[in-house]
Amino acid sequence: MKEQGTGKREQESADAAPAATISDNGTPPLLKTAPLAYENLSFLNSADGRLIRIVSEYMEPLARIRREKIQDTVVFFGSARFRGREEADHDLELLENTGSAQPAPSHEQPAKAPEIAAGTATELQRKRAEAAVEMARYYEDARRLAYLLTTWAKQIPSSRSRFVVTSGGGPGIMEAANRGAHEAGGKTIGMNIRLPFEQHPNPYITPSLNFEFHYFFMRKLWFAYLAKALVVFPGGFGTLDEMFEVLTLAQTHKLGNKITVVIYGPEYWKKVFNLETLVDTGAISPKDLELFQFAGTPERAFELLRKGLTENYLEAEAAAGKLSESGQVSPGEELVEGWALEDF
C-alpha cells in the first residue's frame, strides 16, 4: 500500500526530469550537478526512501533525547477530543476528530443550559452536556497529577531528567498532562502524529522535546521504550489501542523493564469494558488483572506511581550500586543515557 502523497510526489519527480536537448553541433549541454542522495527530496519522499524515513524517526528523536538528558518517562494517554474548561466562564467544546484543531459540528456539541431549558437540545447533546462536566474534571485531574509527579521527580538527585511526563502532544488530556508538568517547572515531551487534517501541538510541550511522527509504529516505539509508568485517562479508540498494546507487551514480557500502569477513572472505564469476563472465559489469566491498578483521584494515582517507580527503579538502582553518593546514575556504555545497548 502506498503512503499518502507518495504517488503524487513520484509523478511530480518524473514530470520534472525532461530528456536532455542535443545542440545543433551534436554536443550535449552541460549537466547540472546531481543532488546528494540525502538532499534529494524526491527520493526521500518516495517509496524507495521509506526505510530512510523510518530510520530517521528512530535516530532523530534518539539524538534529541540524549541531548536533553532524558533518562525515562511516564506516559499519559487520554482523549484528545475535549478542550479543558478554564474556570466556569468558558463553554466546553468537542473537537472534530482525535488531534484535530477544528470543532465538531454544532449538532454534536454538548448542549448549553438555555438549549436544555428550551427543549431544543437533542438526546445526544444532553448526554454530552452531562459527560462534558466529567471530562472537564478529568482534564484538571490529569493536569494536577502531572504537576505532582513532576514536582516529585525534580527532587530526585540526578544529572538526568527522571520520569518525564510524556503525551501524544495534542489537545485534551494530552495538553493537560504537558500543562501540569510545565507548571511544575519540568521538561515535558509531546509525541505528535501527522494526520490528514488541521492540527497542532499543544503549547505546553518543551520546544526541544516537541516531536512529530509520520509512522504510528515509530511513535509507539518511543512511547514504550522509555516509559517506566503509564497513566490511562478516559478516551476513545486511540486510547484503547495504546493501553491494550502496552498491557499486551507487559503480559508477554516483551518490555525490557517493569511498568506501572494506572487506569484513571474507574467509573468511566468499568462502563467501557469488563475484563472479568475475559478471566471467566479463560481468555486471560487472573494474574493479568495485576498488570494495572485503578485510581480515582490525582493523589491516589500519584501514590501508586511513586510507589511503583520507587520500588521498581529508585530502590533497585540504589541496591545495584548504580547510584553514586550524589544519587546520579553511574556512567557506562549507553545508547540513551541510562539505557544500555541491549535495552534496544
Foldseek 3Di string as FASTA:
>chain_A
DDDPPQVVLLVVVVVVDDDFDADPVRDTDDDDDDDDPVPPVSCCSHPNNPVVQLVCLVPVLLVLLQVQQAQFAEEEAAAQQWAADDPPPDDIFGCCDGQAPHTNDPLQTADDPVCVVVVNHDPNNPVVVVVNVVQNVLLQQLLQLLLVQLLVQVPQQAPGRYHAYEYQQGHRSRLSNLNSNLVNVHAHAHEHEDDPHDHDGHPSHDVSRYHYGPDPVSSLCVVQLRHQEYEYEYYDDVSVVSVVVNLVCVVVVVQPFQYEYEYEDCVPVVVVDDCVVCCVVVVDPPCSVVSYYYDYGSVVVNVSVVVSCCVRPVVVCVVVVQQDPSSYGDDDDPSRVNHRPVSD
